[in-house]
Amino acid sequence: MWNIGVEGKVFCFTGKFTYVKSDCEMFVLQHGGDVKSGFNQAVTHLVVGDYDSNAFGRAISSKEEKARKFNEKGGNVEIINEKDIEQMIG
């Protein structure tokens, strides 16, 4: 499915996706990666789908906000979007 190595990486998904998010989560797990439902310091990749700012009253999701703040303090979370994932699908 993806042409990237996910082994040893920790993914967190946020927002709505045009594909089934649980399929991507299962792929990560089956190929040696891990999936977290919430953002924490163990997350290496935050995958951001569409976010309805009108529905939640904020510009970005709380997971993305936490990841950005973590990176500002020296963290190293790769924040990617659905289009980035689509390019990785083989």
N, C-alpha and C. Protein backbone atom coordinates (compact mmCIF):
# COMPACT_ATOMS: atom_id res chain seq x y z
N MET A 1 0.82 -1.20 0.00
CA MET A 1 0.00 0.00 0.00
C MET A 1 0.87 1.26 0.00
N TRP A 2 1.75 1.43 0.98
CA TRP A 2 2.62 2.60 1.01
C TRP A 2 4.02 2.18 0.61
N ASN A 3 4.75 3.09 -0.01
CA ASN A 3 6.13 2.84 -0.41
C ASN A 3 7.12 3.39 0.61
N ILE A 4 6.70 3.58 1.84
CA ILE A 4 7.60 4.05 2.88
C ILE A 4 7.73 2.98 3.93
N GLY A 5 8.82 2.99 4.65
CA GLY A 5 8.97 2.08 5.76
C GLY A 5 8.28 2.65 6.98
N VAL A 6 7.40 1.89 7.57
CA VAL A 6 6.70 2.37 8.76
C VAL A 6 7.20 1.67 10.02
N GLU A 7 8.07 0.69 9.83
CA GLU A 7 8.56 -0.07 10.98
C GLU A 7 9.25 0.86 11.97
N GLY A 8 8.83 0.76 13.21
CA GLY A 8 9.42 1.55 14.28
C GLY A 8 8.90 2.98 14.36
N LYS A 9 8.03 3.37 13.46
CA LYS A 9 7.47 4.72 13.47
C LYS A 9 6.10 4.70 14.14
N VAL A 10 5.73 5.83 14.72
CA VAL A 10 4.47 5.94 15.43
C VAL A 10 3.61 7.01 14.75
N PHE A 11 2.43 6.60 14.29
CA PHE A 11 1.53 7.48 13.54
C PHE A 11 0.32 7.85 14.39
N CYS A 12 -0.16 9.06 14.15
CA CYS A 12 -1.41 9.52 14.72
C CYS A 12 -2.17 10.18 13.58
N PHE A 13 -3.44 9.87 13.45
CA PHE A 13 -4.27 10.40 12.37
C PHE A 13 -5.29 11.37 12.96
N THR A 14 -5.52 12.47 12.25
CA THR A 14 -6.50 13.44 12.71
C THR A 14 -7.25 14.02 11.51
N GLY A 15 -8.51 14.31 11.70
CA GLY A 15 -9.32 14.87 10.63
C GLY A 15 -10.06 13.79 9.85
N LYS A 16 -10.71 14.22 8.79
CA LYS A 16 -11.47 13.31 7.94
C LYS A 16 -10.65 13.02 6.69
N PHE A 17 -10.73 11.78 6.22
CA PHE A 17 -9.97 11.34 5.07
C PHE A 17 -10.91 10.85 3.97
N THR A 18 -10.48 10.95 2.73
CA THR A 18 -11.31 10.46 1.63
C THR A 18 -11.24 8.94 1.54
N TYR A 19 -10.21 8.34 2.13
CA TYR A 19 -10.12 6.89 2.21
C TYR A 19 -10.45 6.48 3.64
N VAL A 20 -10.48 5.21 3.91
CA VAL A 20 -10.84 4.72 5.24
C VAL A 20 -9.62 4.81 6.16
N LYS A 21 -9.73 5.64 7.16
CA LYS A 21 -8.63 5.88 8.09
C LYS A 21 -8.20 4.59 8.78
N SER A 22 -9.16 3.75 9.14
CA SER A 22 -8.82 2.51 9.85
C SER A 22 -8.00 1.57 8.98
N ASP A 23 -8.17 1.62 7.64
CA ASP A 23 -7.34 0.80 6.75
C ASP A 23 -5.88 1.23 6.83
N CYS A 24 -5.65 2.52 6.86
CA CYS A 24 -4.28 3.04 6.97
C CYS A 24 -3.67 2.68 8.32
N GLU A 25 -4.47 2.79 9.36
CA GLU A 25 -3.98 2.43 10.69
C GLU A 25 -3.61 0.94 10.73
N MET A 26 -4.44 0.09 10.14
CA MET A 26 -4.16 -1.34 10.11
C MET A 26 -2.89 -1.64 9.32
N PHE A 27 -2.70 -0.95 8.20
CA PHE A 27 -1.49 -1.13 7.40
C PHE A 27 -0.25 -0.82 8.23
N VAL A 28 -0.28 0.29 8.95
CA VAL A 28 0.86 0.68 9.79
C VAL A 28 1.15 -0.42 10.81
N LEU A 29 0.11 -0.90 11.47
CA LEU A 29 0.29 -1.94 12.49
C LEU A 29 0.83 -3.24 11.89
N GLN A 30 0.34 -3.62 10.72
CA GLN A 30 0.77 -4.86 10.08
C GLN A 30 2.20 -4.80 9.57
N HIS A 31 2.74 -3.59 9.42
CA HIS A 31 4.09 -3.45 8.89
C HIS A 31 5.08 -2.91 9.93
N GLY A 32 4.78 -3.17 11.20
CA GLY A 32 5.75 -2.89 12.25
C GLY A 32 5.72 -1.50 12.84
N GLY A 33 4.75 -0.71 12.44
CA GLY A 33 4.60 0.61 13.03
C GLY A 33 3.59 0.57 14.17
N ASP A 34 3.36 1.70 14.76
CA ASP A 34 2.39 1.80 15.84
C ASP A 34 1.46 2.97 15.54
N VAL A 35 0.27 2.92 16.10
CA VAL A 35 -0.73 3.97 15.91
C VAL A 35 -1.22 4.41 17.28
N LYS A 36 -1.26 5.71 17.48
CA LYS A 36 -1.80 6.28 18.71
C LYS A 36 -3.07 7.04 18.36
N SER A 37 -4.07 6.95 19.22
CA SER A 37 -5.32 7.65 18.98
C SER A 37 -5.20 9.13 19.34
N GLY A 38 -4.29 9.45 20.24
CA GLY A 38 -4.07 10.83 20.63
C GLY A 38 -2.60 11.18 20.47
N PHE A 39 -2.32 12.46 20.36
CA PHE A 39 -0.93 12.89 20.19
C PHE A 39 -0.19 12.81 21.51
N ASN A 40 1.02 12.27 21.47
CA ASN A 40 1.94 12.32 22.60
C ASN A 40 3.36 12.36 22.05
N GLN A 41 4.34 12.45 22.92
CA GLN A 41 5.73 12.62 22.49
C GLN A 41 6.28 11.43 21.74
N ALA A 42 5.62 10.29 21.78
CA ALA A 42 6.09 9.11 21.07
C ALA A 42 5.75 9.16 19.58
N VAL A 43 4.80 10.01 19.20
CA VAL A 43 4.35 10.09 17.81
C VAL A 43 5.47 10.66 16.93
N THR A 44 5.77 9.97 15.83
CA THR A 44 6.78 10.44 14.89
C THR A 44 6.15 11.09 13.66
N HIS A 45 4.90 10.71 13.32
CA HIS A 45 4.21 11.23 12.14
C HIS A 45 2.75 11.53 12.47
N LEU A 46 2.36 12.78 12.30
CA LEU A 46 0.96 13.16 12.43
C LEU A 46 0.41 13.33 11.03
N VAL A 47 -0.62 12.55 10.70
CA VAL A 47 -1.24 12.61 9.38
C VAL A 47 -2.53 13.41 9.51
N VAL A 48 -2.58 14.55 8.82
CA VAL A 48 -3.69 15.48 8.96
C VAL A 48 -4.61 15.38 7.75
N GLY A 49 -5.85 15.02 7.99
CA GLY A 49 -6.87 14.99 6.95
C GLY A 49 -7.60 16.32 6.93
N ASP A 50 -8.71 16.36 6.23
CA ASP A 50 -9.52 17.57 6.20
C ASP A 50 -10.02 17.87 7.61
N TYR A 51 -10.09 19.15 7.92
CA TYR A 51 -10.53 19.57 9.24
C TYR A 51 -11.58 20.66 9.07
N ASP A 52 -12.73 20.46 9.65
CA ASP A 52 -13.82 21.42 9.54
C ASP A 52 -13.71 22.44 10.67
N SER A 53 -13.03 23.54 10.39
CA SER A 53 -12.82 24.54 11.43
C SER A 53 -14.13 25.17 11.90
N ASN A 54 -15.14 25.20 11.04
CA ASN A 54 -16.43 25.75 11.45
C ASN A 54 -17.12 24.87 12.48
N ALA A 55 -16.94 23.56 12.36
CA ALA A 55 -17.58 22.64 13.28
C ALA A 55 -16.93 22.66 14.67
N PHE A 56 -15.63 22.96 14.71
CA PHE A 56 -14.93 22.88 15.98
C PHE A 56 -14.51 24.24 16.54
N GLY A 57 -14.70 25.29 15.74
CA GLY A 57 -14.39 26.62 16.23
C GLY A 57 -12.91 26.93 16.36
N ARG A 58 -12.07 26.23 15.64
CA ARG A 58 -10.63 26.48 15.67
C ARG A 58 -10.05 26.19 14.30
N ALA A 59 -8.91 26.76 14.00
CA ALA A 59 -8.32 26.64 12.66
C ALA A 59 -7.69 25.27 12.41
N ILE A 60 -7.13 24.65 13.45
CA ILE A 60 -6.50 23.34 13.30
C ILE A 60 -6.98 22.43 14.42
N SER A 61 -6.78 21.13 14.24
CA SER A 61 -7.22 20.18 15.28
C SER A 61 -6.34 20.31 16.51
N SER A 62 -6.84 19.85 17.63
CA SER A 62 -6.05 19.91 18.87
C SER A 62 -4.81 19.03 18.75
N LYS A 63 -4.89 17.92 18.00
CA LYS A 63 -3.71 17.07 17.80
C LYS A 63 -2.64 17.82 17.03
N GLU A 64 -3.04 18.52 15.98
CA GLU A 64 -2.07 19.27 15.20
C GLU A 64 -1.49 20.42 16.03
N GLU A 65 -2.32 21.06 16.82
CA GLU A 65 -1.84 22.14 17.68
C GLU A 65 -0.79 21.62 18.66
N LYS A 66 -1.06 20.46 19.27
CA LYS A 66 -0.10 19.87 20.21
C LYS A 66 1.20 19.50 19.50
N ALA A 67 1.10 18.95 18.29
CA ALA A 67 2.30 18.56 17.54
C ALA A 67 3.13 19.79 17.19
N ARG A 68 2.49 20.85 16.76
CA ARG A 68 3.21 22.08 16.40
C ARG A 68 3.92 22.68 17.63
N LYS A 69 3.23 22.71 18.75
CA LYS A 69 3.84 23.22 19.98
C LYS A 69 5.02 22.34 20.40
N PHE A 70 4.86 21.03 20.26
CA PHE A 70 5.94 20.10 20.58
C PHE A 70 7.16 20.37 19.70
N ASN A 71 6.94 20.58 18.41
CA ASN A 71 8.04 20.88 17.48
C ASN A 71 8.70 22.22 17.81
N GLU A 72 7.91 23.21 18.22
CA GLU A 72 8.47 24.51 18.59
C GLU A 72 9.41 24.39 19.78
N LYS A 73 9.19 23.39 20.61
CA LYS A 73 10.03 23.17 21.80
C LYS A 73 11.16 22.18 21.52
N GLY A 74 11.41 21.92 20.24
CA GLY A 74 12.53 21.04 19.89
C GLY A 74 12.13 19.63 19.50
N GLY A 75 10.85 19.33 19.49
CA GLY A 75 10.39 18.01 19.07
C GLY A 75 10.59 17.82 17.58
N ASN A 76 10.38 16.59 17.13
CA ASN A 76 10.62 16.30 15.71
C ASN A 76 9.50 15.42 15.16
N VAL A 77 8.29 15.94 15.17
CA VAL A 77 7.15 15.22 14.62
C VAL A 77 6.97 15.67 13.17
N GLU A 78 6.90 14.72 12.27
CA GLU A 78 6.66 15.05 10.87
C GLU A 78 5.16 15.19 10.67
N ILE A 79 4.73 16.38 10.29
CA ILE A 79 3.30 16.64 10.07
C ILE A 79 3.07 16.57 8.56
N ILE A 80 2.28 15.58 8.17
CA ILE A 80 2.00 15.37 6.75
C ILE A 80 0.49 15.39 6.54
N ASN A 81 0.09 15.56 5.29
CA ASN A 81 -1.35 15.61 5.02
C ASN A 81 -1.78 14.42 4.17
N GLU A 82 -3.04 14.39 3.89
CA GLU A 82 -3.60 13.27 3.13
C GLU A 82 -2.97 13.16 1.74
N LYS A 83 -2.67 14.29 1.13
CA LYS A 83 -2.04 14.26 -0.21
C LYS A 83 -0.66 13.62 -0.14
N ASP A 84 0.06 13.89 0.94
CA ASP A 84 1.38 13.26 1.11
C ASP A 84 1.23 11.75 1.20
N ILE A 85 0.22 11.31 1.93
CA ILE A 85 -0.02 9.86 2.07
C ILE A 85 -0.41 9.27 0.71
N GLU A 86 -1.26 9.97 -0.03
CA GLU A 86 -1.67 9.48 -1.34
C GLU A 86 -0.47 9.27 -2.26
N GLN A 87 0.52 10.15 -2.17
CA GLN A 87 1.73 10.01 -2.99
C GLN A 87 2.56 8.82 -2.55
N MET A 88 2.41 8.39 -1.31
CA MET A 88 3.18 7.26 -0.80
C MET A 88 2.53 5.92 -1.11
N ILE A 89 1.25 5.95 -1.48
CA ILE A 89 0.54 4.71 -1.76
C ILE A 89 1.04 4.10 -3.07
N GLY A 90 1.40 2.86 -3.01
CA GLY A 90 1.95 2.20 -4.20
C GLY A 90 0.96 1.33 -4.90
